[in-house]
Structures are given as structure tokens and as C-alpha cells.
Amino acid sequence: MSSPSRRILVGVGNAGVTVLDQLSVEFPALTGLLAVNNDSDSLNASIVRDKIVVPEGDPREGFLAIDEEFGRAVEGASAVILCGGLGGETGSFLLQALAILAKSAGITTIASVGMPFSFEGKHKRDTAERALEKLQEICDAVVVIGNDQLSGGSPSTAAIGEAFVLSDRALLTSLLTLTGMLSTSGPVKITRADIHHVLGKPGSLTHFGFGKSDGANRLHEALEKALKSPLLALSGKGSALKESPMILLLLRGANDISFAEMQAAVDKIEQIAGESCQIKVGVHADAPLGSALEIHILASSGGAVRKPSKASESGEFKERIGSITPIAPIAQARTKSTILPELQVHEGVPSGAEADGKGVDELFPVPTKPASKTGKKPVATSKQMQGTLALDTYQRGRFDKSEPTIVEGEDLDVPTFLRKGIKLNPPSRK
């Protein structure tokens, strides 16, 4: 049974591991971090304690090598939050595969992912979009960070290195927002159903803002910073809050957060979003007295509403592994070679053939020999484990257009093995 409070943050790929390292530095008491990567240098340099090394090479085969280890690592968790960048082959695949494993175990599964910058090319963007579509089908909720939004949607004079720092920071902030919202308790809290309602829509755009302040006017300063976040803007439409049917608002800090501050924050957001928008508020007061007040705003726009997955449907997610990783082809490649239809050669029976009621001959039939032109009965075909060449027609080669040489009723221009009905076995494969 899952623990009611155990959450695991999983950093996948270089981007995900980098974000977990930053979290470890800023919040050294934070637990439940797991780094997963096939870049051994990145993992060796990481300060995260728990790590899973994915074998280098094809990420699909690498996943098959670590799926059980990952399953043990998240066993008993109440929630798994996956974090990483989409667009590269490793991150795009592993994020989907690990999400399916977590979801198939009945664990609340959330992903926070960064989309590529425009300058990273169309191929990477297309890969990211396909992976995102799959993640939104699998996970209970997905936070999508459009890196181009961080620069206001227009070319920036910032250095490329600074752009990726902004991207990592946005991912880090999203993890703080999600863990904070999952941790709220008491009379003013955000539930997992609320998070799913806002972030569980395939095709939706995610919007969130973050701000903090510890001054005398901390609420208004923190709220102003959060509302100015570039990820709360819709191109040509102003604030994304105007397009969001439901908004999650989290106040995080010490236990001196007042109802007046909470009401002021709700009033300001309602003023922007409109009275018809539903605002869900959560308070997470776990910081020491004197700590800064944090404001987290999470919303989405567009997309189609999807019903939450039931625990009884977890088998469906397990099966979906086959749609993103060639488990069956890999297994088959290890047991048999490609079947050449003209030779019908096999090196063994595929596993499960006997269970299906099909024997060797049904799966790989031995061709029958047609009656010879001489009227003689064909040589009986013995049952063989290895297939034989199908010789349905006779070829006379360079004698094809000449008069046949007939001796005692036999055409001597036809090769002897054809005239005698002798079957030739194809060369064995080693």
C-alpha cells in the first residue's frame, strides 16, 4: 500500500538530473530524489544520492535493463513526479516508459517537461510534440514548459547558456509548485483531483507563475512577481488566466500566513481571470518563522478533458509499453532470424507456438513437390525440421529454346535433381 506522504522526484536525462542537483543544493533536507540517465559522466558528477544508470546505446534496450530497478525504487510511493526535457531520443522515450511503469503500479504520476527552444530545430520540436502527446495520455497531469515563452516569444539577446539556465529554473520551480500543492493539508488545501482537473487535459497549454518576498508588503510583492511570469502569458491575448476555467493558487511559507493575505491574493487573481473562473487555494506552512512568502499559480488553457484512470485499468498502461518500445521485436531477434519467404527457412519455433496449437509445419509449411513431366510419382517428402526449396517450375537454362534431348522418355537437358524429384536443403545458417 502506498504511503500517504511519500513522493519521489525523478530527474530523467541531463536536464532532469541538473534540476535535481539544483534542488539538492537549495534544499539539502529534501528527500525522495532519483536520477535516471544513460550519461555516466552526468550521473557521476551528480550529488543526488539515488541513481539508476541506463546502459548506453538504444534507450529502448536500456530501459529493458532498468525497468525492474526503477519499479523497486518507486514501490510504495504515493506520487511520482518525472522531470526532464523533451526532444532528445533518450529523454523523450524514457519519460514515457517510466511514466507507464509508475502508472501501472497504481501510483499518481505527474510529469514536468521542457519543450525545445526554436533554435534547436524542427526535428527536435517534432520529437518533443509526439512524446508530449503520449505523456498526456499516460500521466494524471503534465506541466509543459515552453522554453520559447521564457523569452517572451521573441528572439532574445541573452546568451544561449543563460537561456538554458532559465529553462532549468522553470523546471525547478514547477517541481516546488507540484510538491507544495501535493503537501497541502487542513481546511485550505489543493487535492490531487484539482491538479488532475487543471493539468490532465491532453493538448492543453500549461501556465504558471512564481514569486516570493519577505518584506513588510510580502504578499503584494510576491504576487506581482508571480503574475509577471512569462509562462502566464498567451501570445496576443494577454494573461493566460483569462482563458483558464480553473486556477490553482498556493501560498507557501511560515505558519504566520494570514487569511487577509490569502483573500487579497484570491481577489487579485479573480480580478484578472473573471468571476466565472474557479480558484482553488492551498496553504503549505512548513517553513521557519521569518521565511519568505512564496506564491505559486498554476493554470492551463485549451485541451480536451480526460477522465482519471482507475486503478483497475493499470493493466492497460502496462500493455502500452509495447507501443513505445519494441519489446517483442527485441525478444524475437534473440530467438530467430528473418524468415525469407522464398526459402521458408526457420531456425526454431517461436515461443508460444505449441500453446497456440500450431506446430512447426503449420508455422513454416514444407512445400509439396508437383508431379513431374515424365509422369513419374514424385519422391515422398519426409517430415523435416528444416524447410526445403520450393521448386514449382523447371528451368532448362540455355537449352530453353532448343529441341529437348530425350532418352528413354527423359529430358536430359533438365538437371538430374529435378528429373529425379530430389529435394535440396538450403545451406544452414550459423
Protein backbone atom coordinates (compact mmCIF):
# COMPACT_ATOMS: atom_id res chain seq x y z
CA MET A 1 0.00 0.00 0.00
CA SER A 2 1.28 3.48 -0.86
CA SER A 3 2.44 5.81 1.86
CA PRO A 4 0.17 8.86 2.16
CA SER A 5 3.12 11.26 2.03
CA ARG A 6 5.99 9.59 0.18
CA ARG A 7 6.68 11.39 -3.09
CA ILE A 8 9.56 10.67 -5.44
CA LEU A 9 11.02 13.24 -7.81
CA VAL A 10 12.66 11.54 -10.79
CA GLY A 11 15.11 13.52 -12.93
CA VAL A 12 15.43 11.94 -16.38
CA GLY A 13 18.23 12.76 -18.80
CA ASN A 14 20.75 15.57 -18.46
CA ALA A 15 18.13 18.28 -17.95
CA GLY A 16 16.30 16.31 -15.27
CA VAL A 17 19.48 15.42 -13.37
CA THR A 18 20.65 19.07 -13.48
CA VAL A 19 17.39 20.23 -11.91
CA LEU A 20 17.62 17.64 -9.12
CA ASP A 21 21.18 18.79 -8.37
CA GLN A 22 19.94 22.38 -8.02
CA LEU A 23 17.15 21.23 -5.72
CA SER A 24 19.67 19.32 -3.58
CA VAL A 25 21.82 22.44 -3.19
CA GLU A 26 18.96 24.79 -2.32
CA PHE A 27 17.02 22.29 -0.20
CA PRO A 28 19.57 19.88 1.32
CA ALA A 29 16.94 18.27 3.57
CA LEU A 30 14.79 17.30 0.59
CA THR A 31 14.44 13.53 0.18
CA GLY A 32 12.96 11.22 -2.42
CA LEU A 33 15.18 12.29 -5.33
CA LEU A 34 16.10 9.78 -8.04
CA ALA A 35 18.37 10.48 -11.03
CA VAL A 36 17.98 8.34 -14.18
CA ASN A 37 20.31 8.79 -17.14
CA ASN A 38 22.43 6.97 -19.71
CA ASP A 39 25.14 9.64 -19.49
CA SER A 40 27.56 8.16 -16.96
CA ASP A 41 29.56 11.40 -16.69
CA SER A 42 26.43 13.32 -15.76
CA LEU A 43 25.43 10.76 -13.13
CA ASN A 44 28.92 10.55 -11.66
CA ALA A 45 29.01 14.32 -11.25
CA SER A 46 25.52 14.46 -9.74
CA ILE A 47 25.15 15.00 -5.98
CA VAL A 48 21.85 13.12 -5.92
CA ARG A 49 22.26 10.04 -3.75
CA ASP A 50 19.96 7.59 -5.52
CA LYS A 51 20.80 6.96 -9.17
CA ILE A 52 19.90 4.49 -11.90
CA VAL A 53 22.38 4.09 -14.73
CA VAL A 54 20.75 3.28 -18.07
CA PRO A 55 23.09 1.31 -20.37
CA GLU A 56 24.31 3.43 -23.28
CA GLY A 57 23.01 2.80 -26.75
CA ASP A 58 19.41 2.29 -27.81
CA PRO A 59 17.28 3.77 -24.98
CA ARG A 60 14.65 1.09 -25.59
CA GLU A 61 17.07 -1.71 -24.81
CA GLY A 62 18.47 0.36 -21.97
CA PHE A 63 15.01 0.66 -20.48
CA LEU A 64 14.58 -3.12 -20.51
CA ALA A 65 17.71 -3.35 -18.39
CA ILE A 66 16.49 -0.96 -15.66
CA ASP A 67 12.70 -1.37 -15.55
CA GLU A 68 12.78 -3.71 -12.54
CA GLU A 69 15.24 -1.48 -10.67
CA PHE A 70 13.00 1.53 -11.26
CA GLY A 71 9.97 -0.43 -10.11
CA ARG A 72 11.70 -1.22 -6.81
CA ALA A 73 12.77 2.41 -6.37
CA VAL A 74 9.22 3.79 -6.61
CA GLU A 75 7.49 0.92 -4.82
CA GLY A 76 5.17 2.20 -2.10
CA ALA A 77 5.23 5.82 -3.29
CA SER A 78 2.01 7.82 -3.25
CA ALA A 79 3.14 10.02 -6.14
CA VAL A 80 5.92 10.08 -8.73
CA ILE A 81 6.89 13.35 -10.41
CA LEU A 82 9.02 12.91 -13.53
CA CYS A 83 11.13 15.82 -14.73
CA GLY A 84 13.15 16.27 -17.90
CA GLY A 85 13.45 17.81 -21.32
CA LEU A 86 11.68 16.54 -24.43
CA GLY A 87 13.16 16.47 -27.91
CA GLY A 88 16.14 14.18 -27.48
CA GLU A 89 15.67 10.47 -28.08
CA THR A 90 16.72 9.40 -24.58
CA GLY A 91 14.58 11.78 -22.53
CA SER A 92 11.58 11.61 -24.85
CA PHE A 93 11.48 7.82 -24.67
CA LEU A 94 12.46 7.22 -21.05
CA LEU A 95 9.97 9.75 -19.68
CA GLN A 96 7.14 7.86 -21.39
CA ALA A 97 8.39 4.40 -20.39
CA LEU A 98 8.97 5.31 -16.73
CA ALA A 99 5.58 7.04 -16.58
CA ILE A 100 3.89 3.85 -17.77
CA LEU A 101 5.68 1.76 -15.15
CA ALA A 102 4.71 4.15 -12.34
CA LYS A 103 1.12 4.41 -13.55
CA SER A 104 0.79 0.65 -13.96
CA ALA A 105 1.73 0.31 -10.27
CA GLY A 106 -1.26 2.47 -9.32
CA ILE A 107 0.88 5.48 -8.38
CA THR A 108 -0.25 9.05 -9.06
CA THR A 109 2.04 10.02 -11.94
CA ILE A 110 2.85 13.61 -12.89
CA ALA A 111 5.40 14.90 -15.39
CA SER A 112 7.02 18.29 -15.67
CA VAL A 113 8.74 18.67 -19.03
CA GLY A 114 10.52 21.35 -21.01
CA MET A 115 9.87 21.83 -24.73
CA PRO A 116 12.82 22.72 -27.01
CA PHE A 117 13.77 26.26 -27.99
CA SER A 118 13.04 27.17 -31.60
CA PHE A 119 16.76 27.37 -32.37
CA GLU A 120 17.10 23.66 -31.55
CA GLY A 121 15.46 22.74 -34.87
CA LYS A 122 12.24 21.33 -36.28
CA HIS A 123 13.22 17.67 -35.87
CA LYS A 124 13.69 18.10 -32.12
CA ARG A 125 10.44 20.03 -31.78
CA ASP A 126 8.51 17.34 -33.69
CA THR A 127 10.02 14.62 -31.49
CA ALA A 128 9.07 16.59 -28.38
CA GLU A 129 5.49 17.13 -29.52
CA ARG A 130 4.98 13.43 -30.22
CA ALA A 131 6.40 12.49 -26.82
CA LEU A 132 4.27 15.12 -25.09
CA GLU A 133 1.11 13.76 -26.70
CA LYS A 134 1.91 10.30 -25.34
CA LEU A 135 2.76 11.63 -21.86
CA GLN A 136 -0.54 13.49 -21.66
CA GLU A 137 -2.33 10.22 -22.41
CA ILE A 138 -0.39 8.31 -19.75
CA CYS A 139 0.05 10.68 -16.80
CA ASP A 140 -2.50 12.05 -14.37
CA ALA A 141 -1.13 15.53 -15.03
CA VAL A 142 1.59 17.15 -17.15
CA VAL A 143 3.23 20.53 -16.65
CA VAL A 144 4.52 21.77 -20.01
CA ILE A 145 7.19 24.47 -20.05
CA GLY A 146 7.53 26.12 -23.43
CA ASN A 147 11.09 27.38 -23.40
CA ASP A 148 10.34 29.99 -26.05
CA GLN A 149 7.84 31.55 -23.65
CA LEU A 150 10.65 32.31 -21.22
CA SER A 151 12.00 34.91 -23.66
CA GLY A 152 8.57 36.38 -24.32
CA GLY A 153 8.17 34.52 -27.62
CA SER A 154 10.66 36.75 -29.46
CA PRO A 155 14.40 36.48 -30.17
CA SER A 156 16.40 37.32 -27.07
CA THR A 157 19.80 38.93 -26.66
CA ALA A 158 20.52 36.61 -23.75
CA ALA A 159 23.37 34.14 -24.18
CA ILE A 160 22.44 30.56 -25.05
CA GLY A 161 23.79 29.39 -21.72
CA GLU A 162 21.52 31.84 -19.91
CA ALA A 163 18.53 30.56 -21.87
CA PHE A 164 19.09 27.02 -20.62
CA VAL A 165 19.59 28.31 -17.07
CA LEU A 166 16.14 29.94 -17.32
CA SER A 167 14.72 26.65 -18.59
CA ASP A 168 16.24 24.67 -15.71
CA ARG A 169 14.96 27.25 -13.26
CA ALA A 170 11.45 26.97 -14.64
CA LEU A 171 11.55 23.18 -14.26
CA LEU A 172 12.82 23.54 -10.69
CA THR A 173 10.03 25.99 -9.85
CA SER A 174 7.42 23.67 -11.31
CA LEU A 175 8.65 20.85 -9.04
CA LEU A 176 8.41 23.12 -5.99
CA THR A 177 4.88 24.09 -7.05
CA LEU A 178 3.77 20.48 -7.55
CA THR A 179 5.31 19.16 -4.32
CA GLY A 180 3.87 22.09 -2.40
CA MET A 181 0.38 21.52 -3.79
CA LEU A 182 0.58 17.80 -3.08
CA SER A 183 1.62 18.60 0.51
CA THR A 184 -1.22 20.95 1.45
CA SER A 185 -3.39 19.74 4.32
CA GLY A 186 -6.02 21.06 6.65
CA PRO A 187 -9.10 23.10 5.80
CA VAL A 188 -7.42 25.05 2.98
CA LYS A 189 -5.84 22.60 0.58
CA ILE A 190 -5.46 21.56 -3.04
CA THR A 191 -6.37 17.95 -3.82
CA ARG A 192 -4.93 15.60 -6.41
CA ALA A 193 -8.27 15.72 -8.18
CA ASP A 194 -7.80 19.50 -8.50
CA ILE A 195 -4.35 19.02 -10.03
CA HIS A 196 -5.70 16.45 -12.45
CA HIS A 197 -8.59 18.73 -13.41
CA VAL A 198 -6.21 21.55 -14.32
CA LEU A 199 -3.31 19.60 -15.83
CA GLY A 200 -4.94 16.38 -17.06
CA LYS A 201 -6.14 17.66 -20.42
CA PRO A 202 -4.32 16.29 -23.48
CA GLY A 203 -3.30 19.10 -25.80
CA SER A 204 -3.59 21.83 -23.18
CA LEU A 205 -1.10 24.63 -22.57
CA THR A 206 0.32 24.93 -19.06
CA HIS A 207 0.74 28.30 -17.38
CA PHE A 208 2.34 29.00 -14.05
CA GLY A 209 3.95 31.82 -12.16
CA PHE A 210 6.15 32.07 -9.10
CA GLY A 211 7.19 34.90 -6.84
CA LYS A 212 8.43 35.37 -3.30
CA SER A 213 9.13 38.18 -0.89
CA ASP A 214 9.94 38.62 2.81
CA GLY A 215 9.32 42.32 3.11
CA ALA A 216 6.62 44.14 5.03
CA ASN A 217 4.47 44.09 1.90
CA ARG A 218 5.39 40.50 1.10
CA LEU A 219 2.03 39.35 -0.29
CA HIS A 220 1.69 42.08 -2.90
CA GLU A 221 5.35 41.89 -3.93
CA ALA A 222 5.36 38.11 -4.27
CA LEU A 223 2.04 38.16 -6.15
CA GLU A 224 3.24 40.85 -8.54
CA LYS A 225 6.35 38.80 -9.39
CA ALA A 226 4.26 35.67 -9.97
CA LEU A 227 1.79 37.44 -12.24
CA LYS A 228 4.64 38.85 -14.35
CA SER A 229 5.95 35.39 -15.17
CA PRO A 230 6.33 34.90 -18.95
CA LEU A 231 4.74 31.48 -18.57
CA LEU A 232 1.48 33.17 -17.57
CA ALA A 233 1.21 34.95 -20.91
CA LEU A 234 -0.67 33.92 -24.03
CA SER A 235 0.64 35.23 -27.32
CA GLY A 236 -1.55 38.14 -28.40
CA LYS A 237 -4.13 37.50 -25.65
CA GLY A 238 -2.52 38.93 -22.54
CA SER A 239 -2.73 36.92 -19.33
CA ALA A 240 -3.43 33.21 -19.72
CA LEU A 241 -5.53 33.39 -16.56
CA LYS A 242 -8.34 34.90 -18.66
CA GLU A 243 -8.52 31.65 -20.67
CA SER A 244 -8.32 29.24 -17.72
CA PRO A 245 -11.52 27.75 -16.30
CA MET A 246 -9.75 26.74 -13.08
CA ILE A 247 -6.68 28.17 -11.34
CA LEU A 248 -4.64 26.66 -8.51
CA LEU A 249 -3.12 29.13 -6.04
CA LEU A 250 -0.59 28.03 -3.42
CA LEU A 251 0.72 30.19 -0.57
CA ARG A 252 3.83 28.69 0.95
CA GLY A 253 5.84 29.94 3.90
CA ALA A 254 5.78 30.03 7.69
CA ASN A 255 2.69 29.43 9.79
CA ASP A 256 2.05 33.16 10.07
CA ILE A 257 0.29 33.34 6.69
CA SER A 258 -2.94 35.24 7.38
CA PHE A 259 -6.44 34.90 5.98
CA ALA A 260 -6.20 38.53 4.91
CA GLU A 261 -3.20 37.71 2.69
CA MET A 262 -4.96 34.70 1.23
CA GLN A 263 -8.09 36.74 0.49
CA ALA A 264 -6.07 39.54 -1.12
CA ALA A 265 -4.37 37.02 -3.44
CA VAL A 266 -7.69 35.46 -4.46
CA ASP A 267 -9.25 38.86 -5.11
CA LYS A 268 -6.37 39.93 -7.37
CA ILE A 269 -6.48 36.73 -9.45
CA GLU A 270 -10.26 36.85 -9.72
CA GLN A 271 -9.97 40.43 -10.95
CA ILE A 272 -7.78 39.21 -13.83
CA ALA A 273 -9.44 35.86 -14.60
CA GLY A 274 -13.07 36.88 -14.10
CA GLU A 275 -15.68 35.83 -11.57
CA SER A 276 -16.65 32.72 -13.57
CA CYS A 277 -13.20 31.19 -13.05
CA GLN A 278 -12.89 28.68 -10.23
CA ILE A 279 -9.95 29.39 -7.92
CA LYS A 280 -8.67 26.65 -5.63
CA VAL A 281 -6.40 27.77 -2.80
CA GLY A 282 -3.87 25.80 -0.81
CA VAL A 283 -1.63 26.80 2.10
CA HIS A 284 1.61 24.99 2.90
CA ALA A 285 3.01 26.48 6.09
CA ASP A 286 6.10 24.38 6.79
CA ALA A 287 8.90 26.98 6.75
CA PRO A 288 10.57 28.53 9.83
CA LEU A 289 9.27 31.87 11.08
CA GLY A 290 10.72 34.78 9.14
CA SER A 291 10.92 32.81 5.86
CA ALA A 292 9.87 34.42 2.61
CA LEU A 293 6.30 34.04 1.42
CA GLU A 294 6.02 32.13 -1.86
CA ILE A 295 3.15 32.47 -4.33
CA HIS A 296 2.61 29.65 -6.83
CA ILE A 297 0.00 29.97 -9.59
CA LEU A 298 -0.85 27.03 -11.83
CA ALA A 299 -3.37 27.01 -14.68
CA SER A 300 -3.98 25.65 -18.17
CA SER A 301 -5.88 26.59 -21.28
CA GLY A 302 -7.32 24.56 -24.15
CA GLY A 303 -7.15 20.79 -24.46
CA ALA A 304 -9.76 18.07 -24.01
CA VAL A 305 -10.98 16.89 -20.62
CA ARG A 306 -9.96 13.31 -19.83
CA LYS A 307 -11.38 11.16 -17.03
CA PRO A 308 -8.90 10.00 -14.40
CA SER A 309 -7.60 6.48 -14.87
CA LYS A 310 -8.89 3.88 -12.42
CA ALA A 311 -6.55 1.56 -10.57
CA SER A 312 -8.29 -1.38 -12.23
CA GLU A 313 -7.18 -0.01 -15.60
CA SER A 314 -3.49 -0.15 -14.71
CA GLY A 315 -3.01 -3.21 -16.91
CA GLU A 316 -3.86 -1.05 -19.90
CA PHE A 317 -0.89 1.18 -19.15
CA LYS A 318 1.37 -1.85 -18.75
CA GLU A 319 0.36 -3.01 -22.21
CA ARG A 320 1.09 0.39 -23.67
CA ILE A 321 4.81 -0.25 -23.11
CA GLY A 322 4.65 -2.23 -26.34
CA SER A 323 3.59 0.87 -28.27
CA ILE A 324 6.68 2.83 -27.30
CA THR A 325 9.34 0.17 -27.00
CA PRO A 326 9.91 -2.80 -29.34
CA ILE A 327 9.94 -5.45 -26.61
CA ALA A 328 8.51 -8.17 -28.85
CA PRO A 329 10.84 -7.47 -31.80
CA ILE A 330 13.86 -7.48 -29.49
CA ALA A 331 12.83 -10.81 -27.99
CA GLN A 332 12.20 -12.29 -31.41
CA ALA A 333 15.52 -11.04 -32.71
CA ARG A 334 17.23 -13.02 -29.99
CA THR A 335 15.47 -16.29 -30.85
CA LYS A 336 15.10 -16.43 -34.62
CA SER A 337 16.37 -14.91 -37.81
CA THR A 338 14.41 -13.15 -40.50
CA ILE A 339 12.24 -15.59 -42.45
CA LEU A 340 12.87 -15.49 -46.17
CA PRO A 341 9.56 -16.28 -47.86
CA GLU A 342 11.14 -17.80 -50.95
CA LEU A 343 13.12 -20.25 -48.83
CA GLN A 344 10.76 -20.61 -45.85
CA VAL A 345 13.72 -21.27 -43.60
CA HIS A 346 13.47 -21.19 -39.83
CA GLU A 347 15.93 -21.79 -37.07
CA GLY A 348 13.46 -22.68 -34.35
CA VAL A 349 9.86 -22.39 -33.26
CA PRO A 350 8.78 -19.02 -31.82
CA SER A 351 7.96 -19.23 -28.15
CA GLY A 352 4.30 -19.91 -27.55
CA ALA A 353 3.73 -21.76 -30.85
CA GLU A 354 2.81 -25.00 -29.11
CA ALA A 355 0.45 -23.17 -26.76
CA ASP A 356 -1.38 -21.73 -29.74
CA GLY A 357 -1.94 -25.23 -31.08
CA LYS A 358 0.29 -24.64 -34.09
CA GLY A 359 3.16 -26.97 -34.82
CA VAL A 360 6.28 -26.39 -36.86
CA ASP A 361 4.65 -27.44 -40.13
CA GLU A 362 1.76 -25.00 -39.71
CA LEU A 363 4.02 -22.07 -38.97
CA PHE A 364 6.63 -22.95 -41.58
CA PRO A 365 4.99 -25.35 -44.09
CA VAL A 366 7.23 -27.60 -46.21
CA PRO A 367 6.24 -27.16 -49.90
CA THR A 368 4.93 -30.22 -51.74
CA LYS A 369 6.57 -31.44 -54.96
CA PRO A 370 4.36 -31.21 -58.09
CA ALA A 371 4.02 -34.18 -60.46
CA SER A 372 6.97 -34.47 -62.86
CA LYS A 373 6.64 -34.03 -66.60
CA THR A 374 7.64 -37.65 -67.10
CA GLY A 375 4.55 -38.86 -65.31
CA LYS A 376 6.62 -40.49 -62.57
CA LYS A 377 5.46 -40.21 -59.00
CA PRO A 378 7.31 -37.56 -57.06
CA VAL A 379 9.61 -38.62 -54.27
CA ALA A 380 7.73 -38.55 -50.98
CA THR A 381 8.62 -35.61 -48.84
CA SER A 382 9.87 -36.63 -45.44
CA LYS A 383 8.92 -34.51 -42.44
CA GLN A 384 11.88 -32.30 -41.73
CA MET A 385 12.63 -29.73 -39.07
CA GLN A 386 14.36 -27.62 -41.71
CA GLY A 387 12.44 -26.22 -44.69
CA THR A 388 13.14 -27.06 -48.32
CA LEU A 389 13.41 -25.19 -51.56
CA ALA A 390 10.10 -24.75 -53.39
CA LEU A 391 10.75 -25.99 -56.95
CA ASP A 392 7.44 -25.32 -58.65
CA THR A 393 8.77 -24.88 -62.20
CA TYR A 394 11.60 -26.39 -64.25
CA GLN A 395 14.16 -24.19 -65.96
CA ARG A 396 16.24 -25.59 -68.90
CA GLY A 397 18.70 -22.72 -68.82
CA ARG A 398 20.47 -22.13 -72.15
CA PHE A 399 18.62 -25.17 -73.63
CA ASP A 400 15.26 -23.50 -73.01
CA LYS A 401 14.63 -22.67 -76.74
CA SER A 402 16.31 -25.74 -78.27
CA GLU A 403 14.89 -29.14 -79.06
CA PRO A 404 14.93 -31.32 -75.93
CA THR A 405 17.33 -34.30 -75.74
CA ILE A 406 15.01 -37.18 -74.94
CA VAL A 407 16.49 -40.53 -73.84
CA GLU A 408 14.16 -43.29 -72.64
CA GLY A 409 11.40 -40.69 -72.16
CA GLU A 410 13.52 -38.28 -70.04
CA ASP A 411 14.71 -34.79 -70.99
CA LEU A 412 18.45 -34.88 -70.31
CA ASP A 413 18.67 -31.07 -70.55
CA VAL A 414 16.77 -30.85 -67.24
CA PRO A 415 19.11 -31.14 -64.25
CA THR A 416 19.17 -34.58 -62.67
CA PHE A 417 17.88 -33.44 -59.23
CA LEU A 418 14.81 -32.01 -60.97
CA ARG A 419 14.19 -35.07 -63.12
CA LYS A 420 14.57 -37.42 -60.17
CA GLY A 421 12.47 -35.27 -57.81
CA ILE A 422 15.33 -34.88 -55.32
CA LYS A 423 14.88 -32.06 -52.81
CA LEU A 424 17.83 -29.89 -51.89
CA ASN A 425 18.17 -28.49 -48.39
CA PRO A 426 19.24 -24.83 -48.24
CA PRO A 427 22.58 -24.10 -46.58
CA SER A 428 22.36 -23.94 -42.80
CA ARG A 429 22.68 -20.56 -41.04
CA LYS A 430 25.19 -20.14 -38.32
